[in-house]
PDB file of N, CA and C in Angstrom:
ATOM      1  N   MET A   1      40.127  21.778 -72.829  1.00  0.00           N
ATOM      2  CA  MET A   1      40.156  22.570 -71.618  1.00  0.00           C
ATOM      3  C   MET A   1      41.528  23.115 -71.551  1.00  0.00           C
ATOM      4  N   SER A   2      41.651  24.475 -71.448  1.00  0.00           N
ATOM      5  CA  SER A   2      42.875  25.092 -71.267  1.00  0.00           C
ATOM      6  C   SER A   2      43.602  24.743 -70.001  1.00  0.00           C
ATOM      7  N   GLU A   3      44.943  24.905 -69.878  1.00  0.00           N
ATOM      8  CA  GLU A   3      45.631  24.575 -68.684  1.00  0.00           C
ATOM      9  C   GLU A   3      45.102  25.363 -67.512  1.00  0.00           C
ATOM     10  N   GLU A   4      44.772  26.630 -67.721  1.00  0.00           N
ATOM     11  CA  GLU A   4      44.313  27.470 -66.674  1.00  0.00           C
ATOM     12  C   GLU A   4      42.910  27.044 -66.120  1.00  0.00           C
ATOM     13  N   ASN A   5      42.006  26.633 -67.069  1.00  0.00           N
ATOM     14  CA  ASN A   5      40.718  26.143 -66.729  1.00  0.00           C
ATOM     15  C   ASN A   5      40.859  24.800 -65.993  1.00  0.00           C
ATOM     16  N   LYS A   6      41.756  23.932 -66.487  1.00  0.00           N
ATOM     17  CA  LYS A   6      41.960  22.634 -65.887  1.00  0.00           C
ATOM     18  C   LYS A   6      42.388  22.800 -64.476  1.00  0.00           C
ATOM     19  N   SER A   7      43.366  23.794 -64.257  1.00  0.00           N
ATOM     20  CA  SER A   7      43.907  24.011 -62.879  1.00  0.00           C
ATOM     21  C   SER A   7      42.787  24.524 -61.956  1.00  0.00           C
ATOM     22  N   ASN A   8      41.936  25.428 -62.430  1.00  0.00           N
ATOM     23  CA  ASN A   8      40.861  25.899 -61.604  1.00  0.00           C
ATOM     24  C   ASN A   8      39.895  24.782 -61.297  1.00  0.00           C
ATOM     25  N   TYR A   9      39.595  23.977 -62.240  1.00  0.00           N
ATOM     26  CA  TYR A   9      38.677  22.846 -62.047  1.00  0.00           C
ATOM     27  C   TYR A   9      39.198  21.911 -60.995  1.00  0.00           C
ATOM     28  N   LEU A  10      40.492  21.529 -61.135  1.00  0.00           N
ATOM     29  CA  LEU A  10      41.074  20.615 -60.150  1.00  0.00           C
ATOM     30  C   LEU A  10      41.086  21.215 -58.690  1.00  0.00           C
ATOM     31  N   GLU A  11      41.315  22.500 -58.562  1.00  0.00           N
ATOM     32  CA  GLU A  11      41.303  23.192 -57.301  1.00  0.00           C
ATOM     33  C   GLU A  11      39.926  23.121 -56.679  1.00  0.00           C
ATOM     34  N   ASN A  12      38.874  23.216 -57.501  1.00  0.00           N
ATOM     35  CA  ASN A  12      37.499  23.289 -56.978  1.00  0.00           C
ATOM     36  C   ASN A  12      36.882  21.983 -56.597  1.00  0.00           C
ATOM     37  N   ILE A  13      37.497  20.880 -57.068  1.00  0.00           N
ATOM     38  CA  ILE A  13      36.921  19.586 -56.799  1.00  0.00           C
ATOM     39  C   ILE A  13      36.721  19.275 -55.280  1.00  0.00           C
ATOM     40  N   PRO A  14      37.693  19.505 -54.405  1.00  0.00           N
ATOM     41  CA  PRO A  14      37.492  19.243 -52.998  1.00  0.00           C
ATOM     42  C   PRO A  14      36.426  20.020 -52.411  1.00  0.00           C
ATOM     43  N   ASP A  15      36.240  21.328 -52.798  1.00  0.00           N
ATOM     44  CA  ASP A  15      35.172  22.113 -52.297  1.00  0.00           C
ATOM     45  C   ASP A  15      33.852  21.575 -52.709  1.00  0.00           C
ATOM     46  N   LEU A  16      33.706  21.229 -53.937  1.00  0.00           N
ATOM     47  CA  LEU A  16      32.403  20.668 -54.435  1.00  0.00           C
ATOM     48  C   LEU A  16      32.088  19.373 -53.796  1.00  0.00           C
ATOM     49  N   LYS A  17      33.152  18.502 -53.620  1.00  0.00           N
ATOM     50  CA  LYS A  17      32.866  17.276 -52.973  1.00  0.00           C
ATOM     51  C   LYS A  17      32.372  17.435 -51.525  1.00  0.00           C
ATOM     52  N   GLU A  18      32.971  18.356 -50.869  1.00  0.00           N
ATOM     53  CA  GLU A  18      32.522  18.696 -49.463  1.00  0.00           C
ATOM     54  C   GLU A  18      31.072  19.158 -49.475  1.00  0.00           C
ATOM     55  N   LYS A  19      30.729  19.928 -50.413  1.00  0.00           N
ATOM     56  CA  LYS A  19      29.253  20.437 -50.523  1.00  0.00           C
ATOM     57  C   LYS A  19      28.383  19.257 -50.861  1.00  0.00           C
ATOM     58  N   VAL A  20      28.817  18.320 -51.724  1.00  0.00           N
ATOM     59  CA  VAL A  20      27.980  17.169 -51.991  1.00  0.00           C
ATOM     60  C   VAL A  20      27.803  16.288 -50.732  1.00  0.00           C
ATOM     61  N   ILE A  21      28.905  16.087 -49.983  1.00  0.00           N
ATOM     62  CA  ILE A  21      28.818  15.311 -48.759  1.00  0.00           C
ATOM     63  C   ILE A  21      27.825  15.932 -47.813  1.00  0.00           C
ATOM     64  N   GLU A  22      27.926  17.276 -47.605  1.00  0.00           N
ATOM     65  CA  GLU A  22      26.978  18.055 -46.825  1.00  0.00           C
ATOM     66  C   GLU A  22      25.565  17.769 -47.225  1.00  0.00           C
ATOM     67  N   ALA A  23      25.293  17.805 -48.469  1.00  0.00           N
ATOM     68  CA  ALA A  23      23.942  17.589 -49.045  1.00  0.00           C
ATOM     69  C   ALA A  23      23.551  16.164 -48.666  1.00  0.00           C
ATOM     70  N   ILE A  24      24.357  15.134 -48.855  1.00  0.00           N
ATOM     71  CA  ILE A  24      24.084  13.800 -48.585  1.00  0.00           C
ATOM     72  C   ILE A  24      23.705  13.606 -47.111  1.00  0.00           C
ATOM     73  N   LYS A  25      24.419  14.370 -46.181  1.00  0.00           N
ATOM     74  CA  LYS A  25      24.226  14.201 -44.783  1.00  0.00           C
ATOM     75  C   LYS A  25      22.859  14.781 -44.321  1.00  0.00           C
ATOM     76  N   THR A  26      22.065  15.237 -45.286  1.00  0.00           N
ATOM     77  CA  THR A  26      20.704  15.693 -44.940  1.00  0.00           C
ATOM     78  C   THR A  26      19.626  14.615 -45.270  1.00  0.00           C
ATOM     79  N   VAL A  27      20.179  13.514 -45.763  1.00  0.00           N
ATOM     80  CA  VAL A  27      19.240  12.400 -46.136  1.00  0.00           C
ATOM     81  C   VAL A  27      19.348  11.345 -45.049  1.00  0.00           C
ATOM     82  N   TYR A  28      18.200  10.956 -44.565  1.00  0.00           N
ATOM     83  CA  TYR A  28      18.131   9.986 -43.496  1.00  0.00           C
ATOM     84  C   TYR A  28      17.310   8.756 -43.903  1.00  0.00           C
ATOM     85  N   ASP A  29      17.750   7.580 -43.363  1.00  0.00           N
ATOM     86  CA  ASP A  29      16.857   6.423 -43.486  1.00  0.00           C
ATOM     87  C   ASP A  29      15.823   6.667 -42.488  1.00  0.00           C
ATOM     88  N   PRO A  30      14.495   6.559 -42.888  1.00  0.00           N
ATOM     89  CA  PRO A  30      13.438   6.805 -41.922  1.00  0.00           C
ATOM     90  C   PRO A  30      13.369   5.915 -40.774  1.00  0.00           C
ATOM     91  N   GLU A  31      13.939   4.754 -40.778  1.00  0.00           N
ATOM     92  CA  GLU A  31      13.902   3.847 -39.675  1.00  0.00           C
ATOM     93  C   GLU A  31      15.070   4.042 -38.745  1.00  0.00           C
ATOM     94  N   ILE A  32      16.080   4.813 -39.161  1.00  0.00           N
ATOM     95  CA  ILE A  32      17.323   4.965 -38.312  1.00  0.00           C
ATOM     96  C   ILE A  32      17.626   6.451 -38.228  1.00  0.00           C
ATOM     97  N   PRO A  33      17.775   6.978 -36.948  1.00  0.00           N
ATOM     98  CA  PRO A  33      17.932   8.443 -36.843  1.00  0.00           C
ATOM     99  C   PRO A  33      19.331   8.951 -37.067  1.00  0.00           C
ATOM    100  N   VAL A  34      20.013   8.402 -38.100  1.00  0.00           N
ATOM    101  CA  VAL A  34      21.305   8.797 -38.483  1.00  0.00           C
ATOM    102  C   VAL A  34      21.373   8.995 -40.032  1.00  0.00           C
ATOM    103  N   ASP A  35      22.116  10.036 -40.468  1.00  0.00           N
ATOM    104  CA  ASP A  35      22.156  10.294 -41.895  1.00  0.00           C
ATOM    105  C   ASP A  35      22.808   9.102 -42.653  1.00  0.00           C
ATOM    106  N   ILE A  36      22.555   9.055 -44.010  1.00  0.00           N
ATOM    107  CA  ILE A  36      23.004   7.850 -44.682  1.00  0.00           C
ATOM    108  C   ILE A  36      24.546   7.882 -44.925  1.00  0.00           C
ATOM    109  N   TYR A  37      25.084   9.088 -44.859  1.00  0.00           N
ATOM    110  CA  TYR A  37      26.612   9.150 -45.004  1.00  0.00           C
ATOM    111  C   TYR A  37      27.277   8.577 -43.805  1.00  0.00           C
ATOM    112  N   GLU A  38      26.845   8.902 -42.641  1.00  0.00           N
ATOM    113  CA  GLU A  38      27.408   8.370 -41.358  1.00  0.00           C
ATOM    114  C   GLU A  38      27.060   6.932 -41.204  1.00  0.00           C
ATOM    115  N   LEU A  39      25.960   6.484 -41.776  1.00  0.00           N
ATOM    116  CA  LEU A  39      25.643   5.066 -41.736  1.00  0.00           C
ATOM    117  C   LEU A  39      26.493   4.155 -42.542  1.00  0.00           C
ATOM    118  N   GLY A  40      27.245   4.849 -43.514  1.00  0.00           N
ATOM    119  CA  GLY A  40      28.172   4.112 -44.344  1.00  0.00           C
ATOM    120  C   GLY A  40      27.574   3.646 -45.637  1.00  0.00           C
ATOM    121  N   LEU A  41      26.430   4.199 -46.050  1.00  0.00           N
ATOM    122  CA  LEU A  41      25.684   3.729 -47.196  1.00  0.00           C
ATOM    123  C   LEU A  41      26.263   4.358 -48.531  1.00  0.00           C
ATOM    124  N   ILE A  42      27.221   5.341 -48.350  1.00  0.00           N
ATOM    125  CA  ILE A  42      27.848   5.939 -49.518  1.00  0.00           C
ATOM    126  C   ILE A  42      29.218   5.294 -49.658  1.00  0.00           C
ATOM    127  N   TYR A  43      29.377   4.509 -50.781  1.00  0.00           N
ATOM    128  CA  TYR A  43      30.668   3.885 -50.995  1.00  0.00           C
ATOM    129  C   TYR A  43      31.672   4.765 -51.743  1.00  0.00           C
ATOM    130  N   ASP A  44      31.167   5.547 -52.704  1.00  0.00           N
ATOM    131  CA  ASP A  44      32.140   6.396 -53.416  1.00  0.00           C
ATOM    132  C   ASP A  44      31.461   7.630 -53.984  1.00  0.00           C
ATOM    133  N   ILE A  45      32.172   8.683 -54.088  1.00  0.00           N
ATOM    134  CA  ILE A  45      31.750   9.931 -54.710  1.00  0.00           C
ATOM    135  C   ILE A  45      32.820  10.394 -55.633  1.00  0.00           C
ATOM    136  N   LYS A  46      32.424  10.580 -56.858  1.00  0.00           N
ATOM    137  CA  LYS A  46      33.424  11.013 -57.886  1.00  0.00           C
ATOM    138  C   LYS A  46      32.886  12.350 -58.536  1.00  0.00           C
ATOM    139  N   ILE A  47      33.780  13.274 -58.685  1.00  0.00           N
ATOM    140  CA  ILE A  47      33.411  14.540 -59.433  1.00  0.00           C
ATOM    141  C   ILE A  47      34.176  14.485 -60.694  1.00  0.00           C
ATOM    142  N   TYR A  48      33.388  14.551 -61.867  1.00  0.00           N
ATOM    143  CA  TYR A  48      34.016  14.477 -63.155  1.00  0.00           C
ATOM    144  C   TYR A  48      33.991  15.841 -63.790  1.00  0.00           C
ATOM    145  N   PRO A  49      34.620  16.007 -64.882  1.00  0.00           N
ATOM    146  CA  PRO A  49      34.657  17.340 -65.495  1.00  0.00           C
ATOM    147  C   PRO A  49      33.243  17.922 -65.744  1.00  0.00           C
ATOM    148  N   VAL A  50      33.172  19.158 -65.771  1.00  0.00           N
ATOM    149  CA  VAL A  50      31.963  19.927 -65.788  1.00  0.00           C
ATOM    150  C   VAL A  50      30.970  19.621 -64.643  1.00  0.00           C
ATOM    151  N   ASN A  51      31.699  19.245 -63.520  1.00  0.00           N
ATOM    152  CA  ASN A  51      30.965  19.038 -62.220  1.00  0.00           C
ATOM    153  C   ASN A  51      29.804  18.048 -62.266  1.00  0.00           C
ATOM    154  N   ASN A  52      30.022  16.974 -63.034  1.00  0.00           N
ATOM    155  CA  ASN A  52      29.160  15.789 -63.005  1.00  0.00           C
ATOM    156  C   ASN A  52      29.498  14.954 -61.803  1.00  0.00           C
ATOM    157  N   VAL A  53      28.544  14.520 -61.022  1.00  0.00           N
ATOM    158  CA  VAL A  53      28.751  13.877 -59.847  1.00  0.00           C
ATOM    159  C   VAL A  53      28.269  12.365 -59.979  1.00  0.00           C
ATOM    160  N   TYR A  54      29.161  11.446 -59.555  1.00  0.00           N
ATOM    161  CA  TYR A  54      28.835  10.001 -59.632  1.00  0.00           C
ATOM    162  C   TYR A  54      28.811   9.541 -58.221  1.00  0.00           C
ATOM    163  N   ILE A  55      27.758   8.892 -57.714  1.00  0.00           N
ATOM    164  CA  ILE A  55      27.687   8.375 -56.357  1.00  0.00           C
ATOM    165  C   ILE A  55      27.373   6.883 -56.363  1.00  0.00           C
ATOM    166  N   LEU A  56      28.244   6.028 -55.769  1.00  0.00           N
ATOM    167  CA  LEU A  56      28.005   4.670 -55.685  1.00  0.00           C
ATOM    168  C   LEU A  56      27.499   4.481 -54.202  1.00  0.00           C
ATOM    169  N   MET A  57      26.301   3.849 -54.065  1.00  0.00           N
ATOM    170  CA  MET A  57      25.772   3.718 -52.738  1.00  0.00           C
ATOM    171  C   MET A  57      25.015   2.378 -52.582  1.00  0.00           C
ATOM    172  N   THR A  58      24.701   2.103 -51.342  1.00  0.00           N
ATOM    173  CA  THR A  58      23.975   0.901 -51.082  1.00  0.00           C
ATOM    174  C   THR A  58      22.824   1.256 -50.138  1.00  0.00           C
ATOM    175  N   LEU A  59      22.036   0.260 -49.708  1.00  0.00           N
ATOM    176  CA  LEU A  59      21.044   0.358 -48.754  1.00  0.00           C
ATOM    177  C   LEU A  59      21.258  -0.544 -47.612  1.00  0.00           C
ATOM    178  N   THR A  60      20.644  -0.385 -46.483  1.00  0.00           N
ATOM    179  CA  THR A  60      20.902  -1.297 -45.399  1.00  0.00           C
ATOM    180  C   THR A  60      20.551  -2.752 -45.704  1.00  0.00           C
ATOM    181  N   SER A  61      19.552  -2.960 -46.663  1.00  0.00           N
ATOM    182  CA  SER A  61      19.297  -4.310 -47.147  1.00  0.00           C
ATOM    183  C   SER A  61      18.611  -4.252 -48.519  1.00  0.00           C
ATOM    184  N   PRO A  62      18.734  -5.280 -49.358  1.00  0.00           N
ATOM    185  CA  PRO A  62      18.055  -5.206 -50.636  1.00  0.00           C
ATOM    186  C   PRO A  62      16.564  -5.047 -50.523  1.00  0.00           C
ATOM    187  N   ASN A  63      15.989  -5.467 -49.425  1.00  0.00           N
ATOM    188  CA  ASN A  63      14.507  -5.389 -49.220  1.00  0.00           C
ATOM    189  C   ASN A  63      14.169  -4.130 -48.449  1.00  0.00           C
ATOM    190  N   CYS A  64      15.060  -3.186 -48.254  1.00  0.00           N
ATOM    191  CA  CYS A  64      14.779  -1.940 -47.607  1.00  0.00           C
ATOM    192  C   CYS A  64      13.539  -1.270 -48.052  1.00  0.00           C
ATOM    193  N   PRO A  65      12.546  -0.989 -47.170  1.00  0.00           N
ATOM    194  CA  PRO A  65      11.339  -0.358 -47.602  1.00  0.00           C
ATOM    195  C   PRO A  65      11.520   1.029 -48.164  1.00  0.00           C
ATOM    196  N   SER A  66      12.656   1.622 -47.959  1.00  0.00           N
ATOM    197  CA  SER A  66      13.003   3.003 -48.404  1.00  0.00           C
ATOM    198  C   SER A  66      13.777   2.929 -49.734  1.00  0.00           C
ATOM    199  N   ALA A  67      13.935   1.737 -50.290  1.00  0.00           N
ATOM    200  CA  ALA A  67      14.736   1.559 -51.504  1.00  0.00           C
ATOM    201  C   ALA A  67      14.365   2.506 -52.607  1.00  0.00           C
ATOM    202  N   GLU A  68      13.078   2.708 -52.770  1.00  0.00           N
ATOM    203  CA  GLU A  68      12.635   3.539 -53.890  1.00  0.00           C
ATOM    204  C   GLU A  68      13.021   5.075 -53.763  1.00  0.00           C
ATOM    205  N   PHE A  69      12.867   5.585 -52.448  1.00  0.00           N
ATOM    206  CA  PHE A  69      13.048   7.003 -52.436  1.00  0.00           C
ATOM    207  C   PHE A  69      14.418   7.545 -51.861  1.00  0.00           C
ATOM    208  N   ILE A  70      15.158   6.731 -51.168  1.00  0.00           N
ATOM    209  CA  ILE A  70      16.386   7.184 -50.682  1.00  0.00           C
ATOM    210  C   ILE A  70      17.317   7.608 -51.824  1.00  0.00           C
ATOM    211  N   PRO A  71      17.610   6.704 -52.796  1.00  0.00           N
ATOM    212  CA  PRO A  71      18.468   7.212 -53.964  1.00  0.00           C
ATOM    213  C   PRO A  71      17.892   8.413 -54.621  1.00  0.00           C
ATOM    214  N   ASP A  72      16.576   8.535 -54.845  1.00  0.00           N
ATOM    215  CA  ASP A  72      16.027   9.622 -55.458  1.00  0.00           C
ATOM    216  C   ASP A  72      16.151  10.945 -54.663  1.00  0.00           C
ATOM    217  N   GLU A  73      16.150  10.725 -53.290  1.00  0.00           N
ATOM    218  CA  GLU A  73      16.322  11.963 -52.468  1.00  0.00           C
ATOM    219  C   GLU A  73      17.764  12.387 -52.542  1.00  0.00           C
ATOM    220  N   VAL A  74      18.724  11.472 -52.514  1.00  0.00           N
ATOM    221  CA  VAL A  74      20.161  11.822 -52.667  1.00  0.00           C
ATOM    222  C   VAL A  74      20.368  12.588 -53.924  1.00  0.00           C
ATOM    223  N   LYS A  75      19.843  12.026 -55.021  1.00  0.00           N
ATOM    224  CA  LYS A  75      19.931  12.691 -56.295  1.00  0.00           C
ATOM    225  C   LYS A  75      19.408  14.071 -56.293  1.00  0.00           C
ATOM    226  N   GLN A  76      18.260  14.289 -55.742  1.00  0.00           N
ATOM    227  CA  GLN A  76      17.670  15.606 -55.705  1.00  0.00           C
ATOM    228  C   GLN A  76      18.488  16.569 -54.886  1.00  0.00           C
ATOM    229  N   LYS A  77      18.926  16.132 -53.697  1.00  0.00           N
ATOM    230  CA  LYS A  77      19.715  17.010 -52.796  1.00  0.00           C
ATOM    231  C   LYS A  77      21.029  17.387 -53.412  1.00  0.00           C
ATOM    232  N   VAL A  78      21.652  16.433 -54.038  1.00  0.00           N
ATOM    233  CA  VAL A  78      22.996  16.673 -54.626  1.00  0.00           C
ATOM    234  C   VAL A  78      22.837  17.591 -55.826  1.00  0.00           C
ATOM    235  N   ALA A  79      21.814  17.339 -56.635  1.00  0.00           N
ATOM    236  CA  ALA A  79      21.598  18.119 -57.845  1.00  0.00           C
ATOM    237  C   ALA A  79      21.304  19.640 -57.361  1.00  0.00           C
ATOM    238  N   ALA A  80      20.857  19.907 -56.243  1.00  0.00           N
ATOM    239  CA  ALA A  80      20.537  21.269 -55.766  1.00  0.00           C
ATOM    240  C   ALA A  80      21.756  21.993 -55.302  1.00  0.00           C
ATOM    241  N   VAL A  81      22.897  21.284 -55.148  1.00  0.00           N
ATOM    242  CA  VAL A  81      24.134  21.913 -54.768  1.00  0.00           C
ATOM    243  C   VAL A  81      24.592  22.861 -55.862  1.00  0.00           C
ATOM    244  N   GLU A  82      24.954  24.099 -55.459  1.00  0.00           N
ATOM    245  CA  GLU A  82      25.432  25.038 -56.434  1.00  0.00           C
ATOM    246  C   GLU A  82      26.710  24.539 -57.115  1.00  0.00           C
ATOM    247  N   GLY A  83      26.654  24.573 -58.441  1.00  0.00           N
ATOM    248  CA  GLY A  83      27.807  24.177 -59.209  1.00  0.00           C
ATOM    249  C   GLY A  83      27.710  22.794 -59.736  1.00  0.00           C
ATOM    250  N   VAL A  84      26.802  21.902 -59.208  1.00  0.00           N
ATOM    251  CA  VAL A  84      26.644  20.599 -59.729  1.00  0.00           C
ATOM    252  C   VAL A  84      25.920  20.620 -61.050  1.00  0.00           C
ATOM    253  N   ASN A  85      26.392  20.024 -62.047  1.00  0.00           N
ATOM    254  CA  ASN A  85      25.836  19.976 -63.373  1.00  0.00           C
ATOM    255  C   ASN A  85      24.828  18.669 -63.473  1.00  0.00           C
ATOM    256  N   ASP A  86      25.357  17.568 -63.178  1.00  0.00           N
ATOM    257  CA  ASP A  86      24.472  16.334 -63.339  1.00  0.00           C
ATOM    258  C   ASP A  86      24.887  15.358 -62.315  1.00  0.00           C
ATOM    259  N   VAL A  87      23.932  14.443 -61.899  1.00  0.00           N
ATOM    260  CA  VAL A  87      24.188  13.484 -60.816  1.00  0.00           C
ATOM    261  C   VAL A  87      23.736  12.138 -61.335  1.00  0.00           C
ATOM    262  N   GLU A  88      24.626  11.176 -61.145  1.00  0.00           N
ATOM    263  CA  GLU A  88      24.326   9.778 -61.472  1.00  0.00           C
ATOM    264  C   GLU A  88      24.522   8.964 -60.142  1.00  0.00           C
ATOM    265  N   ILE A  89      23.474   8.230 -59.820  1.00  0.00           N
ATOM    266  CA  ILE A  89      23.477   7.363 -58.624  1.00  0.00           C
ATOM    267  C   ILE A  89      23.506   5.875 -59.127  1.00  0.00           C
ATOM    268  N   GLU A  90      24.464   5.140 -58.581  1.00  0.00           N
ATOM    269  CA  GLU A  90      24.402   3.715 -58.895  1.00  0.00           C
ATOM    270  C   GLU A  90      24.237   3.021 -57.523  1.00  0.00           C
ATOM    271  N   LEU A  91      23.310   2.123 -57.544  1.00  0.00           N
ATOM    272  CA  LEU A  91      22.963   1.340 -56.326  1.00  0.00           C
ATOM    273  C   LEU A  91      23.600   0.022 -56.473  1.00  0.00           C
ATOM    274  N   THR A  92      24.312  -0.408 -55.408  1.00  0.00           N
ATOM    275  CA  THR A  92      24.980  -1.724 -55.447  1.00  0.00           C
ATOM    276  C   THR A  92      24.773  -2.405 -54.067  1.00  0.00           C
ATOM    277  N   PHE A  93      24.905  -3.714 -54.088  1.00  0.00           N
ATOM    278  CA  PHE A  93      24.828  -4.500 -52.865  1.00  0.00           C
ATOM    279  C   PHE A  93      26.131  -5.308 -52.699  1.00  0.00           C
ATOM    280  N   ASP A  94      27.231  -4.874 -53.360  1.00  0.00           N
ATOM    281  CA  ASP A  94      28.482  -5.558 -53.343  1.00  0.00           C
ATOM    282  C   ASP A  94      29.569  -4.503 -52.997  1.00  0.00           C
ATOM    283  N   PRO A  95      30.128  -4.517 -51.814  1.00  0.00           N
ATOM    284  CA  PRO A  95      29.914  -5.481 -50.771  1.00  0.00           C
ATOM    285  C   PRO A  95      28.579  -5.281 -50.028  1.00  0.00           C
ATOM    286  N   PRO A  96      28.045  -6.269 -49.434  1.00  0.00           N
ATOM    287  CA  PRO A  96      26.853  -6.163 -48.655  1.00  0.00           C
ATOM    288  C   PRO A  96      27.107  -5.215 -47.544  1.00  0.00           C
ATOM    289  N   TYR A  97      26.024  -4.395 -47.211  1.00  0.00           N
ATOM    290  CA  TYR A  97      26.121  -3.475 -46.058  1.00  0.00           C
ATOM    291  C   TYR A  97      26.275  -4.225 -44.721  1.00  0.00           C
ATOM    292  N   SER A  98      27.075  -3.685 -43.847  1.00  0.00           N
ATOM    293  CA  SER A  98      27.138  -4.244 -42.503  1.00  0.00           C
ATOM    294  C   SER A  98      27.359  -3.094 -41.531  1.00  0.00           C
ATOM    295  N   MET A  99      27.039  -3.231 -40.294  1.00  0.00           N
ATOM    296  CA  MET A  99      27.217  -2.252 -39.308  1.00  0.00           C
ATOM    297  C   MET A  99      28.605  -1.752 -39.098  1.00  0.00           C
ATOM    298  N   ASP A 100      29.518  -2.566 -39.580  1.00  0.00           N
ATOM    299  CA  ASP A 100      30.917  -2.107 -39.448  1.00  0.00           C
ATOM    300  C   ASP A 100      31.219  -0.954 -40.345  1.00  0.00           C
ATOM    301  N   MET A 101      30.376  -0.638 -41.283  1.00  0.00           N
ATOM    302  CA  MET A 101      30.552   0.464 -42.189  1.00  0.00           C
ATOM    303  C   MET A 101      30.141   1.842 -41.543  1.00  0.00           C
ATOM    304  N   MET A 102      29.524   1.819 -40.481  1.00  0.00           N
ATOM    305  CA  MET A 102      28.982   3.054 -39.742  1.00  0.00           C
ATOM    306  C   MET A 102      30.193   3.789 -39.278  1.00  0.00           C
ATOM    307  N   SER A 103      30.087   5.069 -39.252  1.00  0.00           N
ATOM    308  CA  SER A 103      31.129   5.985 -38.618  1.00  0.00           C
ATOM    309  C   SER A 103      30.955   5.832 -37.092  1.00  0.00           C
ATOM    310  N   GLU A 104      32.019   6.277 -36.398  1.00  0.00           N
ATOM    311  CA  GLU A 104      31.982   6.233 -34.958  1.00  0.00           C
ATOM    312  C   GLU A 104      30.855   7.106 -34.410  1.00  0.00           C
ATOM    313  N   ALA A 105      30.554   8.284 -35.097  1.00  0.00           N
ATOM    314  CA  ALA A 105      29.457   9.143 -34.732  1.00  0.00           C
ATOM    315  C   ALA A 105      28.167   8.448 -34.804  1.00  0.00           C
ATOM    316  N   ALA A 106      27.908   7.619 -35.840  1.00  0.00           N
ATOM    317  CA  ALA A 106      26.737   6.909 -35.996  1.00  0.00           C
ATOM    318  C   ALA A 106      26.566   5.882 -34.936  1.00  0.00           C
ATOM    319  N   ARG A 107      27.639   5.179 -34.622  1.00  0.00           N
ATOM    320  CA  ARG A 107      27.572   4.118 -33.573  1.00  0.00           C
ATOM    321  C   ARG A 107      27.230   4.756 -32.240  1.00  0.00           C
ATOM    322  N   LEU A 108      27.798   5.955 -31.978  1.00  0.00           N
ATOM    323  CA  LEU A 108      27.550   6.642 -30.714  1.00  0.00           C
ATOM    324  C   LEU A 108      26.106   7.050 -30.679  1.00  0.00           C
ATOM    325  N   GLU A 109      25.601   7.627 -31.733  1.00  0.00           N
ATOM    326  CA  GLU A 109      24.174   8.107 -31.834  1.00  0.00           C
ATOM    327  C   GLU A 109      23.241   6.942 -31.560  1.00  0.00           C
ATOM    328  N   LEU A 110      23.555   5.751 -32.054  1.00  0.00           N
ATOM    329  CA  LEU A 110      22.704   4.575 -31.915  1.00  0.00           C
ATOM    330  C   LEU A 110      22.991   3.768 -30.681  1.00  0.00           C
ATOM    331  N   GLY A 111      23.909   4.269 -29.850  1.00  0.00           N
ATOM    332  CA  GLY A 111      24.254   3.552 -28.577  1.00  0.00           C
ATOM    333  C   GLY A 111      24.964   2.301 -28.731  1.00  0.00           C
ATOM    334  N   LEU A 112      25.755   2.178 -29.815  1.00  0.00           N
ATOM    335  CA  LEU A 112      26.477   0.963 -30.139  1.00  0.00           C
ATOM    336  C   LEU A 112      27.933   0.997 -29.667  1.00  0.00           C
ATOM    337  N   LEU A 113      28.268   2.080 -28.991  1.00  0.00           N
ATOM    338  CA  LEU A 113      29.650   2.203 -28.460  1.00  0.00           C
ATOM    339  C   LEU A 113      29.615   2.230 -26.981  1.00  0.00           C
TER     340      LEU A 113
END
């Protein structure tokens, strides 16, 4: 990668990451009226060269009835973001999810504040 291309790539990462986050915020756990990003289910988002996206996420519990389709929906929504080349989703339960991971907005929405 030339220095100019590398510089352009590095400048565009924050924009692409914001677009990825916006796409993730359209995914909801069907049992909770808050998007999965605000719930704290997304642990990490990395943008790699050629706009490959890696997302480390969890679910509210290992036995979550939505376990099969939430990661797939995240992958589909992020893959649809303009500029994204490939999406890899890794599901983890370490650390285990807790309500402490929710954003203040999610707590407010759920009446926990």
